[in-house]
Amino acid sequence: VLYEEEALLTFVAVESLLRFLRDHHRQLSEEDLLTLSQRYRISLPETDKRRKSLTVTVSTMPELTAELEEMAGFDLDDEEDEDDSIFEALRDDLIPEDAFMSLGVLPWETLNYLRQAPNYQAAGEFELKGDGLPVIVIQTSRPKAKGIIENIQAAGGLNAICFHTVTDPVDDDLYDLGLLQTHNNELFLFGQFLDDDPVHIEAKKKWHQRCKNTKGHCGLIIAKGLTGTARGNPQLRDMMALLEANVLSSEELNLETLD
């Protein structure tokens, strides 16, 4: 229930605000809020015998608006939209669900041997520094490994390997996505890890250090032997392909990548 004085104040506020919106609706619809100010003389209802009108100034307050938007979390919308776009653009049909995946290192001697194998893809020259080439190892059955190799080749070959942290749109947890980018700019998911998993944190720390030693050069090993004695530790005879690539940082992973 509004008493008479409260009703008059509400009437004046609403009337002046409506006039302000009518006069400045174009400026107010712009993305960046401008500093605007306008004075209005509002005629009061006949119930107020003391005065016939009231002068009111209506102004925008861009700084306060920005602070309120930040408090309300509106500034996170762009990040959430980007995360949603990434989830929508990702393909998860390259790596079988039952495949074994690990971050590791390929000794230089083994690298030289695999470079002579049929399914080898080069990615430029680099200095052999450190304990070996940082690699992602995908181990599955022979037929499925062959399918992975053929699909990557059909997409123009492997261009880059990257990790990108996003917020899951379902449970709002942070996940670190392992991504393979092919030369036709498609992104394939090869792993999804909880961002705070200590095992993954340590493995990724070593991965980044090794990639730093090789100036961003890395590789993808596709191996067979998932159900054999070499499960989780494929031997040289199990490695069906070595695809060298470059590391793509999260900053470089923008919407232009997601064609």
C-alpha atoms as a PDB file:
ATOM      1  CA  VAL A   1       0.000   0.000   0.000  1.00  0.00           C
ATOM      2  CA  LEU A   2       1.363   3.434  -0.982  1.00  0.00           C
ATOM      3  CA  TYR A   3       0.464   6.517   0.989  1.00  0.00           C
ATOM      4  CA  GLU A   4      -0.230   9.781  -0.836  1.00  0.00           C
ATOM      5  CA  GLU A   5       3.324  11.187  -0.630  1.00  0.00           C
ATOM      6  CA  GLU A   6       4.861   7.862  -1.660  1.00  0.00           C
ATOM      7  CA  ALA A   7       2.418   7.594  -4.551  1.00  0.00           C
ATOM      8  CA  LEU A   8       3.380  11.083  -5.775  1.00  0.00           C
ATOM      9  CA  LEU A   9       7.093  10.253  -5.629  1.00  0.00           C
ATOM     10  CA  THR A  10       6.493   7.024  -7.532  1.00  0.00           C
ATOM     11  CA  PHE A  11       4.421   8.855 -10.149  1.00  0.00           C
ATOM     12  CA  VAL A  12       7.135  11.480 -10.699  1.00  0.00           C
ATOM     13  CA  ALA A  13       9.903   8.868 -10.883  1.00  0.00           C
ATOM     14  CA  VAL A  14       8.058   6.681 -13.383  1.00  0.00           C
ATOM     15  CA  GLU A  15       6.927   9.603 -15.539  1.00  0.00           C
ATOM     16  CA  SER A  16      10.411  11.140 -15.730  1.00  0.00           C
ATOM     17  CA  LEU A  17      12.005   7.755 -16.425  1.00  0.00           C
ATOM     18  CA  LEU A  18       9.554   7.059 -19.253  1.00  0.00           C
ATOM     19  CA  ARG A  19      10.349  10.413 -20.848  1.00  0.00           C
ATOM     20  CA  PHE A  20      14.075   9.781 -20.490  1.00  0.00           C
ATOM     21  CA  LEU A  21      13.761   6.366 -22.154  1.00  0.00           C
ATOM     22  CA  ARG A  22      11.684   7.880 -24.952  1.00  0.00           C
ATOM     23  CA  ASP A  23      14.213  10.661 -25.599  1.00  0.00           C
ATOM     24  CA  HIS A  24      17.387   8.549 -25.393  1.00  0.00           C
ATOM     25  CA  HIS A  25      16.369   5.039 -26.401  1.00  0.00           C
ATOM     26  CA  ARG A  26      18.907   4.930 -29.245  1.00  0.00           C
ATOM     27  CA  GLN A  27      21.863   5.914 -27.051  1.00  0.00           C
ATOM     28  CA  LEU A  28      20.724   3.536 -24.305  1.00  0.00           C
ATOM     29  CA  SER A  29      20.612   0.609 -26.733  1.00  0.00           C
ATOM     30  CA  GLU A  30      24.328   0.937 -27.536  1.00  0.00           C
ATOM     31  CA  GLU A  31      26.742  -1.578 -26.009  1.00  0.00           C
ATOM     32  CA  ASP A  32      28.810   1.088 -24.224  1.00  0.00           C
ATOM     33  CA  LEU A  33      26.609   3.117 -21.891  1.00  0.00           C
ATOM     34  CA  LEU A  34      27.048   6.856 -22.414  1.00  0.00           C
ATOM     35  CA  THR A  35      26.849   9.583 -19.778  1.00  0.00           C
ATOM     36  CA  LEU A  36      23.440  11.174 -20.360  1.00  0.00           C
ATOM     37  CA  SER A  37      21.441  13.705 -18.349  1.00  0.00           C
ATOM     38  CA  GLN A  38      18.075  15.384 -18.897  1.00  0.00           C
ATOM     39  CA  ARG A  39      15.810  17.641 -16.809  1.00  0.00           C
ATOM     40  CA  TYR A  40      12.027  17.303 -16.894  1.00  0.00           C
ATOM     41  CA  ARG A  41       9.166  19.299 -15.385  1.00  0.00           C
ATOM     42  CA  ILE A  42       6.535  16.814 -14.302  1.00  0.00           C
ATOM     43  CA  SER A  43       2.971  18.039 -13.752  1.00  0.00           C
ATOM     44  CA  LEU A  44       1.573  16.697 -10.500  1.00  0.00           C
ATOM     45  CA  PRO A  45      -1.928  15.264 -10.061  1.00  0.00           C
ATOM     46  CA  GLU A  46      -4.578  17.665  -8.797  1.00  0.00           C
ATOM     47  CA  THR A  47      -4.511  15.939  -5.420  1.00  0.00           C
ATOM     48  CA  ASP A  48      -1.367  17.926  -4.512  1.00  0.00           C
ATOM     49  CA  LYS A  49      -2.671  21.416  -3.617  1.00  0.00           C
ATOM     50  CA  ARG A  50       0.742  22.806  -2.607  1.00  0.00           C
ATOM     51  CA  ARG A  51       2.498  22.669  -5.994  1.00  0.00           C
ATOM     52  CA  LYS A  52       1.513  21.993  -9.585  1.00  0.00           C
ATOM     53  CA  SER A  53       4.789  20.590 -10.940  1.00  0.00           C
ATOM     54  CA  LEU A  54       8.165  19.224  -9.947  1.00  0.00           C
ATOM     55  CA  THR A  55      11.527  19.459 -11.752  1.00  0.00           C
ATOM     56  CA  VAL A  56      13.445  16.178 -11.965  1.00  0.00           C
ATOM     57  CA  THR A  57      16.886  15.369 -13.384  1.00  0.00           C
ATOM     58  CA  VAL A  58      17.433  11.876 -14.803  1.00  0.00           C
ATOM     59  CA  SER A  59      21.029  10.773 -15.466  1.00  0.00           C
ATOM     60  CA  THR A  60      22.884   7.625 -16.393  1.00  0.00           C
ATOM     61  CA  MET A  61      25.743   6.384 -14.192  1.00  0.00           C
ATOM     62  CA  PRO A  62      28.055   4.249 -16.381  1.00  0.00           C
ATOM     63  CA  GLU A  63      30.616   3.553 -13.642  1.00  0.00           C
ATOM     64  CA  LEU A  64      27.983   2.352 -11.186  1.00  0.00           C
ATOM     65  CA  THR A  65      26.361   0.278 -13.935  1.00  0.00           C
ATOM     66  CA  ALA A  66      29.682  -1.419 -14.677  1.00  0.00           C
ATOM     67  CA  GLU A  67      30.222  -2.199 -10.985  1.00  0.00           C
ATOM     68  CA  LEU A  68      26.736  -3.678 -10.639  1.00  0.00           C
ATOM     69  CA  GLU A  69      27.196  -5.784 -13.782  1.00  0.00           C
ATOM     70  CA  GLU A  70      30.475  -7.109 -12.414  1.00  0.00           C
ATOM     71  CA  MET A  71      28.852  -7.942  -9.060  1.00  0.00           C
ATOM     72  CA  ALA A  72      26.030  -9.738 -10.869  1.00  0.00           C
ATOM     73  CA  GLY A  73      28.476 -11.717 -12.993  1.00  0.00           C
ATOM     74  CA  PHE A  74      27.338 -10.240 -16.311  1.00  0.00           C
ATOM     75  CA  ASP A  75      30.986  -9.895 -17.374  1.00  0.00           C
ATOM     76  CA  LEU A  76      31.239 -13.704 -17.468  1.00  0.00           C
ATOM     77  CA  ASP A  77      28.702 -14.018 -20.280  1.00  0.00           C
ATOM     78  CA  ASP A  78      31.299 -13.763 -23.048  1.00  0.00           C
ATOM     79  CA  GLU A  79      33.458 -16.468 -21.450  1.00  0.00           C
ATOM     80  CA  GLU A  80      30.448 -18.745 -21.003  1.00  0.00           C
ATOM     81  CA  ASP A  81      29.358 -18.148 -24.598  1.00  0.00           C
ATOM     82  CA  GLU A  82      32.864 -19.025 -25.779  1.00  0.00           C
ATOM     83  CA  ASP A  83      32.852 -22.203 -23.690  1.00  0.00           C
ATOM     84  CA  ASP A  84      29.465 -23.177 -25.127  1.00  0.00           C
ATOM     85  CA  SER A  85      30.759 -22.528 -28.652  1.00  0.00           C
ATOM     86  CA  ILE A  86      33.787 -24.715 -28.031  1.00  0.00           C
ATOM     87  CA  PHE A  87      31.649 -27.571 -26.715  1.00  0.00           C
ATOM     88  CA  GLU A  88      29.362 -27.283 -29.735  1.00  0.00           C
ATOM     89  CA  ALA A  89      32.254 -27.191 -32.223  1.00  0.00           C
ATOM     90  CA  LEU A  90      34.212 -30.102 -30.763  1.00  0.00           C
ATOM     91  CA  ARG A  91      34.096 -33.498 -32.397  1.00  0.00           C
ATOM     92  CA  ASP A  92      34.355 -36.518 -30.134  1.00  0.00           C
ATOM     93  CA  ASP A  93      34.126 -39.202 -32.812  1.00  0.00           C
ATOM     94  CA  LEU A  94      37.849 -39.592 -33.515  1.00  0.00           C
ATOM     95  CA  ILE A  95      39.124 -41.303 -30.370  1.00  0.00           C
ATOM     96  CA  PRO A  96      37.273 -44.451 -29.190  1.00  0.00           C
ATOM     97  CA  GLU A  97      35.740 -44.222 -25.725  1.00  0.00           C
ATOM     98  CA  ASP A  98      37.712 -47.224 -24.463  1.00  0.00           C
ATOM     99  CA  ALA A  99      41.073 -45.929 -25.704  1.00  0.00           C
ATOM    100  CA  PHE A 100      43.934 -45.473 -23.251  1.00  0.00           C
ATOM    101  CA  MET A 101      45.449 -41.982 -23.242  1.00  0.00           C
ATOM    102  CA  SER A 102      48.552 -40.628 -21.554  1.00  0.00           C
ATOM    103  CA  LEU A 103      50.982 -37.720 -21.655  1.00  0.00           C
ATOM    104  CA  GLY A 104      54.539 -38.900 -22.049  1.00  0.00           C
ATOM    105  CA  VAL A 105      57.894 -38.464 -23.710  1.00  0.00           C
ATOM    106  CA  LEU A 106      59.435 -40.221 -26.698  1.00  0.00           C
ATOM    107  CA  PRO A 107      63.211 -40.747 -26.384  1.00  0.00           C
ATOM    108  CA  TRP A 108      65.237 -39.301 -29.225  1.00  0.00           C
ATOM    109  CA  GLU A 109      66.479 -42.739 -30.312  1.00  0.00           C
ATOM    110  CA  THR A 110      62.910 -43.988 -30.661  1.00  0.00           C
ATOM    111  CA  LEU A 111      61.938 -40.803 -32.479  1.00  0.00           C
ATOM    112  CA  ASN A 112      64.618 -41.377 -35.102  1.00  0.00           C
ATOM    113  CA  TYR A 113      63.360 -44.926 -35.619  1.00  0.00           C
ATOM    114  CA  LEU A 114      59.679 -43.930 -35.967  1.00  0.00           C
ATOM    115  CA  ARG A 115      60.599 -41.234 -38.466  1.00  0.00           C
ATOM    116  CA  GLN A 116      61.420 -44.062 -40.863  1.00  0.00           C
ATOM    117  CA  ALA A 117      58.024 -45.729 -40.390  1.00  0.00           C
ATOM    118  CA  PRO A 118      55.230 -45.494 -43.020  1.00  0.00           C
ATOM    119  CA  ASN A 119      52.726 -43.488 -40.954  1.00  0.00           C
ATOM    120  CA  TYR A 120      55.018 -40.628 -40.001  1.00  0.00           C
ATOM    121  CA  GLN A 121      54.146 -36.945 -40.302  1.00  0.00           C
ATOM    122  CA  ALA A 122      56.832 -34.286 -39.920  1.00  0.00           C
ATOM    123  CA  ALA A 123      56.280 -30.785 -38.556  1.00  0.00           C
ATOM    124  CA  GLY A 124      59.514 -28.958 -39.282  1.00  0.00           C
ATOM    125  CA  GLU A 125      63.004 -29.036 -37.834  1.00  0.00           C
ATOM    126  CA  PHE A 126      63.757 -28.342 -34.178  1.00  0.00           C
ATOM    127  CA  GLU A 127      66.584 -28.778 -31.698  1.00  0.00           C
ATOM    128  CA  LEU A 128      66.626 -32.111 -29.872  1.00  0.00           C
ATOM    129  CA  LYS A 129      66.807 -30.659 -26.383  1.00  0.00           C
ATOM    130  CA  GLY A 130      65.791 -32.361 -23.156  1.00  0.00           C
ATOM    131  CA  ASP A 131      64.938 -36.004 -22.555  1.00  0.00           C
ATOM    132  CA  GLY A 132      62.779 -36.467 -25.647  1.00  0.00           C
ATOM    133  CA  LEU A 133      59.781 -35.356 -27.679  1.00  0.00           C
ATOM    134  CA  PRO A 134      56.650 -34.598 -25.616  1.00  0.00           C
ATOM    135  CA  VAL A 135      53.882 -36.841 -26.912  1.00  0.00           C
ATOM    136  CA  ILE A 136      50.255 -37.737 -26.419  1.00  0.00           C
ATOM    137  CA  VAL A 137      49.848 -41.510 -26.593  1.00  0.00           C
ATOM    138  CA  ILE A 138      46.534 -42.954 -27.755  1.00  0.00           C
ATOM    139  CA  GLN A 139      46.352 -46.733 -27.409  1.00  0.00           C
ATOM    140  CA  THR A 140      43.478 -48.778 -28.777  1.00  0.00           C
ATOM    141  CA  SER A 141      42.919 -51.881 -30.901  1.00  0.00           C
ATOM    142  CA  ARG A 142      44.658 -52.274 -34.260  1.00  0.00           C
ATOM    143  CA  PRO A 143      41.497 -51.680 -36.381  1.00  0.00           C
ATOM    144  CA  LYS A 144      40.527 -48.603 -34.376  1.00  0.00           C
ATOM    145  CA  ALA A 145      44.084 -47.245 -34.449  1.00  0.00           C
ATOM    146  CA  LYS A 146      44.082 -47.640 -38.221  1.00  0.00           C
ATOM    147  CA  GLY A 147      40.774 -45.740 -38.372  1.00  0.00           C
ATOM    148  CA  ILE A 148      42.190 -42.856 -36.307  1.00  0.00           C
ATOM    149  CA  ILE A 149      45.182 -42.564 -38.625  1.00  0.00           C
ATOM    150  CA  GLU A 150      43.018 -42.593 -41.751  1.00  0.00           C
ATOM    151  CA  ASN A 151      40.598 -39.984 -40.377  1.00  0.00           C
ATOM    152  CA  ILE A 152      43.408 -37.596 -39.420  1.00  0.00           C
ATOM    153  CA  GLN A 153      45.004 -38.016 -42.837  1.00  0.00           C
ATOM    154  CA  ALA A 154      41.633 -37.339 -44.489  1.00  0.00           C
ATOM    155  CA  ALA A 155      41.413 -34.074 -42.510  1.00  0.00           C
ATOM    156  CA  GLY A 156      44.733 -32.903 -43.947  1.00  0.00           C
ATOM    157  CA  GLY A 157      46.932 -34.230 -41.178  1.00  0.00           C
ATOM    158  CA  LEU A 158      47.564 -33.137 -37.606  1.00  0.00           C
ATOM    159  CA  ASN A 159      48.297 -29.443 -37.142  1.00  0.00           C
ATOM    160  CA  ALA A 160      48.403 -28.867 -33.392  1.00  0.00           C
ATOM    161  CA  ILE A 161      47.834 -30.294 -29.934  1.00  0.00           C
ATOM    162  CA  CYS A 162      46.380 -28.090 -27.252  1.00  0.00           C
ATOM    163  CA  PHE A 163      44.834 -28.010 -23.805  1.00  0.00           C
ATOM    164  CA  HIS A 164      42.034 -25.604 -23.037  1.00  0.00           C
ATOM    165  CA  THR A 165      40.267 -25.097 -19.709  1.00  0.00           C
ATOM    166  CA  VAL A 166      36.511 -24.559 -19.889  1.00  0.00           C
ATOM    167  CA  THR A 167      33.482 -24.628 -17.637  1.00  0.00           C
ATOM    168  CA  ASP A 168      31.205 -27.591 -18.216  1.00  0.00           C
ATOM    169  CA  PRO A 169      27.759 -26.157 -19.114  1.00  0.00           C
ATOM    170  CA  VAL A 170      26.071 -29.014 -17.239  1.00  0.00           C
ATOM    171  CA  ASP A 171      27.780 -29.149 -13.835  1.00  0.00           C
ATOM    172  CA  ASP A 172      29.828 -25.877 -13.870  1.00  0.00           C
ATOM    173  CA  ASP A 173      33.023 -27.796 -13.023  1.00  0.00           C
ATOM    174  CA  LEU A 174      36.310 -26.721 -14.589  1.00  0.00           C
ATOM    175  CA  TYR A 175      37.683 -29.205 -17.099  1.00  0.00           C
ATOM    176  CA  ASP A 176      40.917 -29.267 -19.051  1.00  0.00           C
ATOM    177  CA  LEU A 177      40.155 -30.406 -22.579  1.00  0.00           C
ATOM    178  CA  GLY A 178      42.802 -32.195 -24.608  1.00  0.00           C
ATOM    179  CA  LEU A 179      42.330 -31.189 -28.238  1.00  0.00           C
ATOM    180  CA  LEU A 180      43.736 -32.219 -31.593  1.00  0.00           C
ATOM    181  CA  GLN A 181      43.516 -29.659 -34.375  1.00  0.00           C
ATOM    182  CA  THR A 182      43.744 -30.914 -37.946  1.00  0.00           C
ATOM    183  CA  HIS A 183      44.862 -28.854 -40.921  1.00  0.00           C
ATOM    184  CA  ASN A 184      41.260 -28.323 -42.014  1.00  0.00           C
ATOM    185  CA  ASN A 185      40.706 -26.483 -38.683  1.00  0.00           C
ATOM    186  CA  GLU A 186      38.566 -29.157 -37.074  1.00  0.00           C
ATOM    187  CA  LEU A 187      38.963 -29.811 -33.354  1.00  0.00           C
ATOM    188  CA  PHE A 188      38.818 -33.331 -31.964  1.00  0.00           C
ATOM    189  CA  LEU A 189      38.554 -34.151 -28.278  1.00  0.00           C
ATOM    190  CA  PHE A 190      41.070 -36.736 -27.092  1.00  0.00           C
ATOM    191  CA  GLY A 191      40.705 -36.285 -23.341  1.00  0.00           C
ATOM    192  CA  GLN A 192      38.766 -34.474 -20.640  1.00  0.00           C
ATOM    193  CA  PHE A 193      40.391 -33.987 -17.245  1.00  0.00           C
ATOM    194  CA  LEU A 194      39.295 -32.344 -14.024  1.00  0.00           C
ATOM    195  CA  ASP A 195      41.282 -29.137 -13.816  1.00  0.00           C
ATOM    196  CA  ASP A 196      42.281 -29.769 -10.183  1.00  0.00           C
ATOM    197  CA  ASP A 197      43.282 -33.432 -10.613  1.00  0.00           C
ATOM    198  CA  PRO A 198      46.792 -33.663  -9.067  1.00  0.00           C
ATOM    199  CA  VAL A 199      47.894 -36.457 -11.433  1.00  0.00           C
ATOM    200  CA  HIS A 200      46.902 -34.431 -14.485  1.00  0.00           C
ATOM    201  CA  ILE A 201      48.432 -31.263 -13.052  1.00  0.00           C
ATOM    202  CA  GLU A 202      51.803 -32.989 -12.629  1.00  0.00           C
ATOM    203  CA  ALA A 203      51.672 -34.636 -16.067  1.00  0.00           C
ATOM    204  CA  LYS A 204      50.745 -31.363 -17.728  1.00  0.00           C
ATOM    205  CA  LYS A 205      53.532 -29.555 -15.882  1.00  0.00           C
ATOM    206  CA  LYS A 206      56.078 -31.967 -17.383  1.00  0.00           C
ATOM    207  CA  TRP A 207      54.377 -31.655 -20.779  1.00  0.00           C
ATOM    208  CA  HIS A 208      54.748 -27.870 -20.803  1.00  0.00           C
ATOM    209  CA  GLN A 209      58.384 -28.046 -19.692  1.00  0.00           C
ATOM    210  CA  ARG A 210      59.252 -30.494 -22.460  1.00  0.00           C
ATOM    211  CA  CYS A 211      57.365 -28.414 -25.024  1.00  0.00           C
ATOM    212  CA  LYS A 212      59.383 -25.414 -23.884  1.00  0.00           C
ATOM    213  CA  ASN A 213      62.588 -27.358 -24.539  1.00  0.00           C
ATOM    214  CA  THR A 214      61.455 -28.254 -28.070  1.00  0.00           C
ATOM    215  CA  LYS A 215      60.147 -24.745 -28.860  1.00  0.00           C
ATOM    216  CA  GLY A 216      56.567 -25.974 -29.108  1.00  0.00           C
ATOM    217  CA  HIS A 217      57.183 -29.160 -31.080  1.00  0.00           C
ATOM    218  CA  CYS A 218      55.285 -32.222 -29.878  1.00  0.00           C
ATOM    219  CA  GLY A 219      53.739 -35.377 -31.246  1.00  0.00           C
ATOM    220  CA  LEU A 220      50.856 -37.818 -31.256  1.00  0.00           C
ATOM    221  CA  ILE A 221      51.527 -41.549 -31.055  1.00  0.00           C
ATOM    222  CA  ILE A 222      48.755 -43.898 -32.122  1.00  0.00           C
ATOM    223  CA  ALA A 223      49.333 -47.408 -30.842  1.00  0.00           C
ATOM    224  CA  LYS A 224      47.670 -50.806 -30.784  1.00  0.00           C
ATOM    225  CA  GLY A 225      47.759 -53.393 -28.001  1.00  0.00           C
ATOM    226  CA  LEU A 226      44.991 -52.110 -25.734  1.00  0.00           C
ATOM    227  CA  THR A 227      44.009 -55.574 -24.501  1.00  0.00           C
ATOM    228  CA  GLY A 228      47.471 -57.133 -24.432  1.00  0.00           C
ATOM    229  CA  THR A 229      50.328 -57.133 -21.956  1.00  0.00           C
ATOM    230  CA  ALA A 230      51.446 -53.735 -23.274  1.00  0.00           C
ATOM    231  CA  ARG A 231      48.220 -52.015 -22.165  1.00  0.00           C
ATOM    232  CA  GLY A 232      49.120 -48.593 -20.800  1.00  0.00           C
ATOM    233  CA  ASN A 233      52.737 -48.967 -21.878  1.00  0.00           C
ATOM    234  CA  PRO A 234      52.877 -49.563 -25.645  1.00  0.00           C
ATOM    235  CA  GLN A 235      56.189 -50.822 -26.959  1.00  0.00           C
ATOM    236  CA  LEU A 236      57.889 -49.766 -30.157  1.00  0.00           C
ATOM    237  CA  ARG A 237      56.269 -52.627 -32.087  1.00  0.00           C
ATOM    238  CA  ASP A 238      52.826 -51.367 -30.970  1.00  0.00           C
ATOM    239  CA  MET A 239      53.304 -47.817 -32.272  1.00  0.00           C
ATOM    240  CA  MET A 240      51.466 -47.583 -35.584  1.00  0.00           C
ATOM    241  CA  ALA A 241      51.925 -43.862 -36.258  1.00  0.00           C
ATOM    242  CA  LEU A 242      53.864 -40.826 -35.112  1.00  0.00           C
ATOM    243  CA  LEU A 243      52.357 -37.490 -36.097  1.00  0.00           C
ATOM    244  CA  GLU A 244      54.499 -34.512 -35.186  1.00  0.00           C
ATOM    245  CA  ALA A 245      52.738 -31.220 -34.544  1.00  0.00           C
ATOM    246  CA  ASN A 246      52.969 -27.918 -32.701  1.00  0.00           C
ATOM    247  CA  VAL A 247      51.534 -26.824 -29.385  1.00  0.00           C
ATOM    248  CA  LEU A 248      48.597 -24.421 -29.554  1.00  0.00           C
ATOM    249  CA  SER A 249      48.084 -22.313 -26.427  1.00  0.00           C
ATOM    250  CA  SER A 250      44.717 -21.457 -24.898  1.00  0.00           C
ATOM    251  CA  GLU A 251      45.187 -17.851 -25.991  1.00  0.00           C
ATOM    252  CA  GLU A 252      45.617 -18.954 -29.595  1.00  0.00           C
ATOM    253  CA  LEU A 253      42.495 -21.101 -29.395  1.00  0.00           C
ATOM    254  CA  ASN A 254      39.893 -18.518 -30.445  1.00  0.00           C
ATOM    255  CA  LEU A 255      36.591 -18.720 -32.254  1.00  0.00           C
ATOM    256  CA  GLU A 256      38.325 -18.340 -35.613  1.00  0.00           C
ATOM    257  CA  THR A 257      39.791 -21.783 -34.987  1.00  0.00           C
ATOM    258  CA  LEU A 258      36.304 -23.236 -34.669  1.00  0.00           C
ATOM    259  CA  ASP A 259      35.154 -23.206 -38.278  1.00  0.00           C
END
